[in-house]
Amino acid sequence: MVTQKITSAEDPKLASKLATEAIQAVTQEVVSVSEESDIQLPPDTTVDLPGGLFDPIDGTTKTAEVRELNGADEEAIAKTSDMGKGLLTILERATIKLGDKKPTREDLDSLLAGDREMLLLAIRKVTFGNIVKLGPGACPSCGEEQIFEVNLTNDVKIKQLENDERYFAVDCKVGEVKVSLPDGGVQKEIVSSSNKTTAELDTILLKGCVSSINGLPVMSVNQIRDLSINDRRTILNAISDRNPGPQLSEVKKNCQACGQEVPLPLTLADLF
């Protein structure tokens, strides 16, 4: 610590030197405290959207802002009938900006499903932290029981929308099928159909994403049901391959005992 008293009138160069040294000393002390203690910086509430909100006039909005969930949110979530609707409530309450504007429900519904999942991931991180602990579970290779820690920033891959390809064609046995990536409207319809079978949910997804089959516009769900199982799977795979956002189902961690990769697929419900 500097104890010498001096004024700039006596020696302006020395005063400047002492001031610089004092600032450096304080900076070093702050860095030292941060490194030695468990102090954490406030979580980043900004989100880079892998797809973005598309507007034909204003272009594509690629950023958003979220906030931490609070007690009022918890009460609202508790009133929902299932986890899917709870996730929709979380998204609508804790997404506070798209670009520099407050989002409407229509804006959120227009986002790609992958963007909505990215927002939910960000809300989870600012509310509960970056680490998800799974287990105890056994390594499938060596059988060692352990707790797996998933770092939501480092361990979850984010797929970006390539070339803004929201609409594309898929070659099927029935002919060319024109498809769009699922948006919030499709996602909400699926969430509202939690009592449906997997095949019925696939039909809802396809109805929301397929615009034409072999040149004929899709006007009825029966056109989706009339597709062969193989064509349906081809379309679903094409959507999955292109869908941007956090790849939660692909999370893997190394076993702490044998070092082998262990698949740890996550869902959005696992995060909350």
C-alpha atoms as a PDB file:
ATOM      1  CA  MET A   1       0.000   0.000   0.000  1.00  0.00           C
ATOM      2  CA  VAL A   2       1.288   3.487  -0.805  1.00  0.00           C
ATOM      3  CA  THR A   3       1.664   5.656   2.339  1.00  0.00           C
ATOM      4  CA  GLN A   4       3.621   8.619   0.991  1.00  0.00           C
ATOM      5  CA  LYS A   5       1.509  11.779   0.794  1.00  0.00           C
ATOM      6  CA  ILE A   6       2.116  13.811  -2.293  1.00  0.00           C
ATOM      7  CA  THR A   7       0.288  16.349  -4.410  1.00  0.00           C
ATOM      8  CA  SER A   8       0.448  16.905  -8.106  1.00  0.00           C
ATOM      9  CA  ALA A   9       1.766  20.386  -7.475  1.00  0.00           C
ATOM     10  CA  GLU A  10       4.906  18.936  -5.866  1.00  0.00           C
ATOM     11  CA  ASP A  11       5.612  16.369  -8.578  1.00  0.00           C
ATOM     12  CA  PRO A  12       2.909  15.727 -11.190  1.00  0.00           C
ATOM     13  CA  LYS A  13       4.859  12.880 -12.814  1.00  0.00           C
ATOM     14  CA  LEU A  14       5.318  11.053  -9.535  1.00  0.00           C
ATOM     15  CA  ALA A  15       1.658  11.612  -8.614  1.00  0.00           C
ATOM     16  CA  SER A  16       0.595  10.058 -11.909  1.00  0.00           C
ATOM     17  CA  LYS A  17       2.936   7.118 -11.352  1.00  0.00           C
ATOM     18  CA  LEU A  18       1.617   6.488  -7.841  1.00  0.00           C
ATOM     19  CA  ALA A  19      -1.984   6.718  -9.015  1.00  0.00           C
ATOM     20  CA  THR A  20      -1.302   4.161 -11.747  1.00  0.00           C
ATOM     21  CA  GLU A  21       0.372   1.814  -9.261  1.00  0.00           C
ATOM     22  CA  ALA A  22      -2.542   2.145  -6.854  1.00  0.00           C
ATOM     23  CA  ILE A  23      -5.065   1.270  -9.585  1.00  0.00           C
ATOM     24  CA  GLN A  24      -2.990  -1.739 -10.618  1.00  0.00           C
ATOM     25  CA  ALA A  25      -2.733  -2.912  -7.005  1.00  0.00           C
ATOM     26  CA  VAL A  26      -6.492  -2.707  -6.509  1.00  0.00           C
ATOM     27  CA  THR A  27      -7.078  -4.537  -9.797  1.00  0.00           C
ATOM     28  CA  GLN A  28      -4.711  -7.322  -8.750  1.00  0.00           C
ATOM     29  CA  GLU A  29      -6.467  -7.633  -5.371  1.00  0.00           C
ATOM     30  CA  VAL A  30      -9.881  -7.921  -7.069  1.00  0.00           C
ATOM     31  CA  VAL A  31      -8.595 -10.581  -9.472  1.00  0.00           C
ATOM     32  CA  SER A  32      -6.972 -12.449  -6.587  1.00  0.00           C
ATOM     33  CA  VAL A  33     -10.179 -12.448  -4.549  1.00  0.00           C
ATOM     34  CA  SER A  34     -12.188 -13.638  -7.547  1.00  0.00           C
ATOM     35  CA  GLU A  35      -9.751 -16.485  -8.201  1.00  0.00           C
ATOM     36  CA  GLU A  36      -9.486 -17.632  -4.589  1.00  0.00           C
ATOM     37  CA  SER A  37     -13.154 -17.338  -3.607  1.00  0.00           C
ATOM     38  CA  ASP A  38     -16.311 -18.873  -5.007  1.00  0.00           C
ATOM     39  CA  ILE A  39     -17.629 -15.544  -6.297  1.00  0.00           C
ATOM     40  CA  GLN A  40     -19.503 -15.930  -9.581  1.00  0.00           C
ATOM     41  CA  LEU A  41     -20.267 -13.298 -12.159  1.00  0.00           C
ATOM     42  CA  PRO A  42     -23.947 -12.616 -12.890  1.00  0.00           C
ATOM     43  CA  PRO A  43     -25.218 -15.058 -15.528  1.00  0.00           C
ATOM     44  CA  ASP A  44     -25.470 -13.837 -19.092  1.00  0.00           C
ATOM     45  CA  THR A  45     -29.104 -13.264 -20.008  1.00  0.00           C
ATOM     46  CA  THR A  46     -28.529 -12.673 -23.710  1.00  0.00           C
ATOM     47  CA  VAL A  47     -29.255 -15.508 -26.137  1.00  0.00           C
ATOM     48  CA  ASP A  48     -27.966 -16.056 -29.665  1.00  0.00           C
ATOM     49  CA  LEU A  49     -30.776 -17.741 -31.576  1.00  0.00           C
ATOM     50  CA  PRO A  50     -29.653 -20.548 -33.903  1.00  0.00           C
ATOM     51  CA  GLY A  51     -32.461 -19.773 -36.344  1.00  0.00           C
ATOM     52  CA  GLY A  52     -33.908 -16.397 -35.474  1.00  0.00           C
ATOM     53  CA  LEU A  53     -37.241 -14.662 -35.904  1.00  0.00           C
ATOM     54  CA  PHE A  54     -37.752 -14.069 -39.619  1.00  0.00           C
ATOM     55  CA  ASP A  55     -39.564 -11.003 -40.910  1.00  0.00           C
ATOM     56  CA  PRO A  56     -39.787 -10.363 -44.678  1.00  0.00           C
ATOM     57  CA  ILE A  57     -39.375  -6.615 -44.110  1.00  0.00           C
ATOM     58  CA  ASP A  58     -37.063  -6.297 -41.101  1.00  0.00           C
ATOM     59  CA  GLY A  59     -35.003  -9.411 -41.793  1.00  0.00           C
ATOM     60  CA  THR A  60     -34.009 -11.972 -39.172  1.00  0.00           C
ATOM     61  CA  THR A  61     -33.729 -11.164 -35.471  1.00  0.00           C
ATOM     62  CA  LYS A  62     -30.939 -13.320 -34.071  1.00  0.00           C
ATOM     63  CA  THR A  63     -30.756 -12.270 -30.422  1.00  0.00           C
ATOM     64  CA  ALA A  64     -33.038 -12.438 -27.412  1.00  0.00           C
ATOM     65  CA  GLU A  65     -32.950 -11.779 -23.697  1.00  0.00           C
ATOM     66  CA  VAL A  66     -34.275 -13.909 -20.853  1.00  0.00           C
ATOM     67  CA  ARG A  67     -34.556 -13.463 -17.096  1.00  0.00           C
ATOM     68  CA  GLU A  68     -34.343 -15.603 -13.991  1.00  0.00           C
ATOM     69  CA  LEU A  69     -37.552 -17.308 -12.861  1.00  0.00           C
ATOM     70  CA  ASN A  70     -39.076 -15.973  -9.636  1.00  0.00           C
ATOM     71  CA  GLY A  71     -41.730 -16.959  -7.123  1.00  0.00           C
ATOM     72  CA  ALA A  72     -44.595 -15.567  -9.183  1.00  0.00           C
ATOM     73  CA  ASP A  73     -43.417 -17.713 -12.093  1.00  0.00           C
ATOM     74  CA  GLU A  74     -43.222 -20.753  -9.832  1.00  0.00           C
ATOM     75  CA  GLU A  75     -46.845 -20.282  -8.805  1.00  0.00           C
ATOM     76  CA  ALA A  76     -47.931 -19.950 -12.439  1.00  0.00           C
ATOM     77  CA  ILE A  77     -45.974 -23.059 -13.455  1.00  0.00           C
ATOM     78  CA  ALA A  78     -47.485 -25.056 -10.578  1.00  0.00           C
ATOM     79  CA  LYS A  79     -50.968 -24.329 -11.930  1.00  0.00           C
ATOM     80  CA  THR A  80     -50.237 -25.970 -15.301  1.00  0.00           C
ATOM     81  CA  SER A  81     -51.571 -29.459 -15.894  1.00  0.00           C
ATOM     82  CA  ASP A  82     -48.358 -31.074 -17.177  1.00  0.00           C
ATOM     83  CA  MET A  83     -44.666 -30.393 -17.752  1.00  0.00           C
ATOM     84  CA  GLY A  84     -45.143 -29.542 -21.415  1.00  0.00           C
ATOM     85  CA  LYS A  85     -47.530 -26.705 -20.616  1.00  0.00           C
ATOM     86  CA  GLY A  86     -45.248 -25.712 -17.771  1.00  0.00           C
ATOM     87  CA  LEU A  87     -42.399 -25.261 -20.257  1.00  0.00           C
ATOM     88  CA  LEU A  88     -44.604 -23.055 -22.434  1.00  0.00           C
ATOM     89  CA  THR A  89     -45.407 -20.939 -19.377  1.00  0.00           C
ATOM     90  CA  ILE A  90     -41.710 -20.630 -18.549  1.00  0.00           C
ATOM     91  CA  LEU A  91     -40.917 -19.550 -22.100  1.00  0.00           C
ATOM     92  CA  GLU A  92     -43.644 -16.912 -22.303  1.00  0.00           C
ATOM     93  CA  ARG A  93     -42.953 -15.416 -18.889  1.00  0.00           C
ATOM     94  CA  ALA A  94     -39.140 -15.368 -18.875  1.00  0.00           C
ATOM     95  CA  THR A  95     -38.392 -14.304 -22.468  1.00  0.00           C
ATOM     96  CA  ILE A  96     -38.306 -10.537 -22.149  1.00  0.00           C
ATOM     97  CA  LYS A  97     -36.848  -9.405 -25.491  1.00  0.00           C
ATOM     98  CA  LEU A  98     -36.534 -10.493 -29.090  1.00  0.00           C
ATOM     99  CA  GLY A  99     -33.989  -8.157 -30.581  1.00  0.00           C
ATOM    100  CA  ASP A 100     -34.737  -4.861 -28.841  1.00  0.00           C
ATOM    101  CA  LYS A 101     -38.494  -5.388 -28.516  1.00  0.00           C
ATOM    102  CA  LYS A 102     -40.727  -7.088 -25.997  1.00  0.00           C
ATOM    103  CA  PRO A 103     -42.041 -10.249 -27.697  1.00  0.00           C
ATOM    104  CA  THR A 104     -45.704 -10.943 -28.220  1.00  0.00           C
ATOM    105  CA  ARG A 105     -47.106 -14.439 -27.938  1.00  0.00           C
ATOM    106  CA  GLU A 106     -47.389 -14.438 -31.731  1.00  0.00           C
ATOM    107  CA  ASP A 107     -43.679 -13.635 -31.996  1.00  0.00           C
ATOM    108  CA  LEU A 108     -42.804 -16.576 -29.771  1.00  0.00           C
ATOM    109  CA  ASP A 109     -45.114 -18.865 -31.738  1.00  0.00           C
ATOM    110  CA  SER A 110     -43.364 -17.795 -34.953  1.00  0.00           C
ATOM    111  CA  LEU A 111     -39.957 -18.830 -33.660  1.00  0.00           C
ATOM    112  CA  LEU A 112     -38.592 -22.165 -34.778  1.00  0.00           C
ATOM    113  CA  ALA A 113     -38.949 -24.935 -32.214  1.00  0.00           C
ATOM    114  CA  GLY A 114     -35.154 -25.042 -31.933  1.00  0.00           C
ATOM    115  CA  ASP A 115     -35.024 -21.337 -31.028  1.00  0.00           C
ATOM    116  CA  ARG A 116     -37.643 -21.871 -28.336  1.00  0.00           C
ATOM    117  CA  GLU A 117     -35.593 -24.736 -26.917  1.00  0.00           C
ATOM    118  CA  MET A 118     -32.534 -22.456 -26.929  1.00  0.00           C
ATOM    119  CA  LEU A 119     -34.460 -19.889 -24.889  1.00  0.00           C
ATOM    120  CA  LEU A 120     -35.576 -22.515 -22.383  1.00  0.00           C
ATOM    121  CA  LEU A 121     -31.994 -23.716 -22.028  1.00  0.00           C
ATOM    122  CA  ALA A 122     -30.881 -20.147 -21.314  1.00  0.00           C
ATOM    123  CA  ILE A 123     -33.667 -19.620 -18.761  1.00  0.00           C
ATOM    124  CA  ARG A 124     -32.609 -22.802 -17.013  1.00  0.00           C
ATOM    125  CA  LYS A 125     -28.993 -21.640 -16.812  1.00  0.00           C
ATOM    126  CA  VAL A 126     -29.778 -18.176 -15.405  1.00  0.00           C
ATOM    127  CA  THR A 127     -32.224 -19.648 -12.869  1.00  0.00           C
ATOM    128  CA  PHE A 128     -30.604 -22.853 -11.634  1.00  0.00           C
ATOM    129  CA  GLY A 129     -27.051 -22.698 -12.948  1.00  0.00           C
ATOM    130  CA  ASN A 130     -25.025 -24.368 -15.631  1.00  0.00           C
ATOM    131  CA  ILE A 131     -24.619 -27.824 -14.078  1.00  0.00           C
ATOM    132  CA  VAL A 132     -27.099 -30.721 -14.203  1.00  0.00           C
ATOM    133  CA  LYS A 133     -26.304 -33.719 -12.022  1.00  0.00           C
ATOM    134  CA  LEU A 134     -27.568 -37.089 -13.220  1.00  0.00           C
ATOM    135  CA  GLY A 135     -27.558 -40.325 -11.289  1.00  0.00           C
ATOM    136  CA  PRO A 136     -26.291 -42.199  -9.554  1.00  0.00           C
ATOM    137  CA  GLY A 137     -26.121 -44.401 -12.615  1.00  0.00           C
ATOM    138  CA  ALA A 138     -23.948 -47.250 -13.811  1.00  0.00           C
ATOM    139  CA  CYS A 139     -21.492 -47.003 -16.679  1.00  0.00           C
ATOM    140  CA  PRO A 140     -22.662 -49.471 -19.360  1.00  0.00           C
ATOM    141  CA  SER A 141     -19.028 -50.462 -20.028  1.00  0.00           C
ATOM    142  CA  CYS A 142     -17.609 -51.118 -16.556  1.00  0.00           C
ATOM    143  CA  GLY A 143     -20.669 -50.958 -14.297  1.00  0.00           C
ATOM    144  CA  GLU A 144     -19.205 -48.258 -12.033  1.00  0.00           C
ATOM    145  CA  GLU A 145     -21.910 -46.305 -10.157  1.00  0.00           C
ATOM    146  CA  GLN A 146     -21.390 -42.554 -10.285  1.00  0.00           C
ATOM    147  CA  ILE A 147     -22.946 -39.108 -10.499  1.00  0.00           C
ATOM    148  CA  PHE A 148     -22.576 -37.538 -13.933  1.00  0.00           C
ATOM    149  CA  GLU A 149     -22.247 -33.756 -14.128  1.00  0.00           C
ATOM    150  CA  VAL A 150     -23.423 -32.185 -17.382  1.00  0.00           C
ATOM    151  CA  ASN A 151     -22.196 -28.681 -18.145  1.00  0.00           C
ATOM    152  CA  LEU A 152     -24.983 -27.112 -20.196  1.00  0.00           C
ATOM    153  CA  THR A 153     -22.559 -24.755 -21.926  1.00  0.00           C
ATOM    154  CA  ASN A 154     -19.708 -27.123 -22.712  1.00  0.00           C
ATOM    155  CA  ASP A 155     -21.507 -30.472 -23.095  1.00  0.00           C
ATOM    156  CA  VAL A 156     -24.577 -29.475 -25.130  1.00  0.00           C
ATOM    157  CA  LYS A 157     -23.916 -28.905 -28.816  1.00  0.00           C
ATOM    158  CA  ILE A 158     -25.866 -26.131 -30.544  1.00  0.00           C
ATOM    159  CA  LYS A 159     -26.848 -26.715 -34.168  1.00  0.00           C
ATOM    160  CA  GLN A 160     -27.141 -23.551 -36.254  1.00  0.00           C
ATOM    161  CA  LEU A 161     -29.670 -23.129 -39.048  1.00  0.00           C
ATOM    162  CA  GLU A 162     -27.678 -23.501 -42.249  1.00  0.00           C
ATOM    163  CA  ASN A 163     -28.269 -20.978 -45.046  1.00  0.00           C
ATOM    164  CA  ASP A 164     -31.540 -19.914 -43.386  1.00  0.00           C
ATOM    165  CA  GLU A 165     -33.081 -23.103 -44.811  1.00  0.00           C
ATOM    166  CA  ARG A 166     -36.518 -23.027 -43.187  1.00  0.00           C
ATOM    167  CA  TYR A 167     -38.242 -24.515 -46.217  1.00  0.00           C
ATOM    168  CA  PHE A 168     -36.984 -27.471 -48.224  1.00  0.00           C
ATOM    169  CA  ALA A 169     -38.071 -30.370 -50.404  1.00  0.00           C
ATOM    170  CA  VAL A 170     -37.793 -34.075 -49.585  1.00  0.00           C
ATOM    171  CA  ASP A 171     -37.791 -36.783 -52.265  1.00  0.00           C
ATOM    172  CA  CYS A 172     -40.141 -39.582 -51.259  1.00  0.00           C
ATOM    173  CA  LYS A 173     -41.729 -42.567 -52.962  1.00  0.00           C
ATOM    174  CA  VAL A 174     -44.918 -40.538 -53.305  1.00  0.00           C
ATOM    175  CA  GLY A 175     -43.004 -37.742 -55.046  1.00  0.00           C
ATOM    176  CA  GLU A 176     -41.603 -34.414 -53.917  1.00  0.00           C
ATOM    177  CA  VAL A 177     -42.795 -33.283 -50.482  1.00  0.00           C
ATOM    178  CA  LYS A 178     -42.374 -29.621 -49.520  1.00  0.00           C
ATOM    179  CA  VAL A 179     -41.609 -29.145 -45.853  1.00  0.00           C
ATOM    180  CA  SER A 180     -40.938 -26.374 -43.340  1.00  0.00           C
ATOM    181  CA  LEU A 181     -39.191 -26.629 -39.992  1.00  0.00           C
ATOM    182  CA  PRO A 182     -41.543 -26.805 -36.977  1.00  0.00           C
ATOM    183  CA  ASP A 183     -42.349 -23.534 -35.242  1.00  0.00           C
ATOM    184  CA  GLY A 184     -43.902 -22.631 -31.914  1.00  0.00           C
ATOM    185  CA  GLY A 185     -47.413 -23.167 -33.186  1.00  0.00           C
ATOM    186  CA  VAL A 186     -46.652 -26.774 -34.096  1.00  0.00           C
ATOM    187  CA  GLN A 187     -44.820 -27.276 -30.806  1.00  0.00           C
ATOM    188  CA  LYS A 188     -47.784 -25.960 -28.807  1.00  0.00           C
ATOM    189  CA  GLU A 189     -50.185 -28.259 -30.620  1.00  0.00           C
ATOM    190  CA  ILE A 190     -47.983 -31.245 -29.797  1.00  0.00           C
ATOM    191  CA  VAL A 191     -47.753 -30.188 -26.141  1.00  0.00           C
ATOM    192  CA  SER A 192     -51.545 -29.911 -25.998  1.00  0.00           C
ATOM    193  CA  SER A 193     -51.809 -33.523 -27.214  1.00  0.00           C
ATOM    194  CA  SER A 194     -49.861 -35.249 -24.442  1.00  0.00           C
ATOM    195  CA  ASN A 195     -52.374 -38.107 -24.354  1.00  0.00           C
ATOM    196  CA  LYS A 196     -51.626 -39.073 -27.978  1.00  0.00           C
ATOM    197  CA  THR A 197     -49.483 -41.965 -29.159  1.00  0.00           C
ATOM    198  CA  THR A 198     -46.091 -41.387 -30.771  1.00  0.00           C
ATOM    199  CA  ALA A 199     -47.579 -42.083 -34.205  1.00  0.00           C
ATOM    200  CA  GLU A 200     -50.380 -39.567 -33.599  1.00  0.00           C
ATOM    201  CA  LEU A 201     -47.853 -36.947 -32.468  1.00  0.00           C
ATOM    202  CA  ASP A 202     -45.851 -37.600 -35.645  1.00  0.00           C
ATOM    203  CA  THR A 203     -49.010 -36.942 -37.644  1.00  0.00           C
ATOM    204  CA  ILE A 204     -49.527 -33.606 -35.850  1.00  0.00           C
ATOM    205  CA  LEU A 205     -45.912 -32.630 -36.535  1.00  0.00           C
ATOM    206  CA  LEU A 206     -46.119 -33.604 -40.202  1.00  0.00           C
ATOM    207  CA  LYS A 207     -49.442 -31.811 -40.676  1.00  0.00           C
ATOM    208  CA  GLY A 208     -47.852 -28.647 -39.295  1.00  0.00           C
ATOM    209  CA  CYS A 209     -44.731 -28.916 -41.444  1.00  0.00           C
ATOM    210  CA  VAL A 210     -45.770 -30.432 -44.782  1.00  0.00           C
ATOM    211  CA  SER A 211     -47.235 -27.893 -47.216  1.00  0.00           C
ATOM    212  CA  SER A 212     -47.571 -30.017 -50.353  1.00  0.00           C
ATOM    213  CA  ILE A 213     -47.268 -33.633 -51.490  1.00  0.00           C
ATOM    214  CA  ASN A 214     -46.356 -34.308 -55.117  1.00  0.00           C
ATOM    215  CA  GLY A 215     -47.607 -30.862 -56.110  1.00  0.00           C
ATOM    216  CA  LEU A 216     -50.903 -31.048 -54.201  1.00  0.00           C
ATOM    217  CA  PRO A 217     -51.381 -28.659 -51.251  1.00  0.00           C
ATOM    218  CA  VAL A 218     -52.034 -30.364 -47.921  1.00  0.00           C
ATOM    219  CA  MET A 219     -55.569 -29.430 -46.891  1.00  0.00           C
ATOM    220  CA  SER A 220     -56.472 -32.384 -44.684  1.00  0.00           C
ATOM    221  CA  VAL A 221     -54.778 -34.493 -42.030  1.00  0.00           C
ATOM    222  CA  ASN A 222     -55.885 -37.537 -44.020  1.00  0.00           C
ATOM    223  CA  GLN A 223     -53.284 -36.671 -46.657  1.00  0.00           C
ATOM    224  CA  ILE A 224     -50.633 -37.078 -43.957  1.00  0.00           C
ATOM    225  CA  ARG A 225     -52.158 -40.332 -42.758  1.00  0.00           C
ATOM    226  CA  ASP A 226     -52.203 -41.656 -46.329  1.00  0.00           C
ATOM    227  CA  LEU A 227     -48.429 -41.315 -46.617  1.00  0.00           C
ATOM    228  CA  SER A 228     -46.535 -44.587 -46.330  1.00  0.00           C
ATOM    229  CA  ILE A 229     -44.700 -45.274 -43.067  1.00  0.00           C
ATOM    230  CA  ASN A 230     -41.426 -45.147 -44.967  1.00  0.00           C
ATOM    231  CA  ASP A 231     -42.209 -41.719 -46.470  1.00  0.00           C
ATOM    232  CA  ARG A 232     -43.301 -40.393 -43.087  1.00  0.00           C
ATOM    233  CA  ARG A 233     -40.018 -41.528 -41.537  1.00  0.00           C
ATOM    234  CA  THR A 234     -38.036 -40.030 -44.409  1.00  0.00           C
ATOM    235  CA  ILE A 235     -39.683 -36.644 -43.858  1.00  0.00           C
ATOM    236  CA  LEU A 236     -39.293 -36.808 -40.073  1.00  0.00           C
ATOM    237  CA  ASN A 237     -35.598 -37.650 -40.434  1.00  0.00           C
ATOM    238  CA  ALA A 238     -35.120 -34.726 -42.828  1.00  0.00           C
ATOM    239  CA  ILE A 239     -36.722 -32.372 -40.303  1.00  0.00           C
ATOM    240  CA  SER A 240     -34.608 -33.757 -37.458  1.00  0.00           C
ATOM    241  CA  ASP A 241     -31.395 -33.430 -39.482  1.00  0.00           C
ATOM    242  CA  ARG A 242     -32.066 -29.755 -40.238  1.00  0.00           C
ATOM    243  CA  ASN A 243     -33.731 -28.654 -37.012  1.00  0.00           C
ATOM    244  CA  PRO A 244     -31.487 -26.138 -35.218  1.00  0.00           C
ATOM    245  CA  GLY A 245     -31.076 -25.675 -31.490  1.00  0.00           C
ATOM    246  CA  PRO A 246     -29.547 -27.461 -28.498  1.00  0.00           C
ATOM    247  CA  GLN A 247     -28.875 -31.142 -29.210  1.00  0.00           C
ATOM    248  CA  LEU A 248     -29.916 -32.409 -25.779  1.00  0.00           C
ATOM    249  CA  SER A 249     -30.395 -35.987 -26.927  1.00  0.00           C
ATOM    250  CA  GLU A 250     -26.742 -36.208 -27.992  1.00  0.00           C
ATOM    251  CA  VAL A 251     -25.134 -35.388 -24.624  1.00  0.00           C
ATOM    252  CA  LYS A 252     -22.296 -37.733 -23.630  1.00  0.00           C
ATOM    253  CA  LYS A 253     -19.840 -37.820 -20.730  1.00  0.00           C
ATOM    254  CA  ASN A 254     -16.791 -39.951 -20.018  1.00  0.00           C
ATOM    255  CA  CYS A 255     -17.018 -42.558 -17.265  1.00  0.00           C
ATOM    256  CA  GLN A 256     -14.929 -41.487 -14.273  1.00  0.00           C
ATOM    257  CA  ALA A 257     -13.603 -45.039 -13.846  1.00  0.00           C
ATOM    258  CA  CYS A 258     -12.915 -46.444 -17.318  1.00  0.00           C
ATOM    259  CA  GLY A 259     -13.026 -43.309 -19.486  1.00  0.00           C
ATOM    260  CA  GLN A 260     -15.580 -44.689 -21.949  1.00  0.00           C
ATOM    261  CA  GLU A 261     -18.256 -42.360 -23.334  1.00  0.00           C
ATOM    262  CA  VAL A 262     -21.646 -42.737 -21.674  1.00  0.00           C
ATOM    263  CA  PRO A 263     -24.758 -41.472 -23.549  1.00  0.00           C
ATOM    264  CA  LEU A 264     -26.804 -39.147 -21.326  1.00  0.00           C
ATOM    265  CA  PRO A 265     -29.742 -37.986 -23.454  1.00  0.00           C
ATOM    266  CA  LEU A 266     -31.622 -35.091 -21.864  1.00  0.00           C
ATOM    267  CA  THR A 267     -35.046 -33.567 -22.409  1.00  0.00           C
ATOM    268  CA  LEU A 268     -36.171 -30.043 -21.600  1.00  0.00           C
ATOM    269  CA  ALA A 269     -38.178 -31.447 -18.697  1.00  0.00           C
ATOM    270  CA  ASP A 270     -34.943 -32.828 -17.202  1.00  0.00           C
ATOM    271  CA  LEU A 271     -33.575 -29.283 -16.987  1.00  0.00           C
ATOM    272  CA  PHE A 272     -36.353 -27.967 -14.744  1.00  0.00           C
END
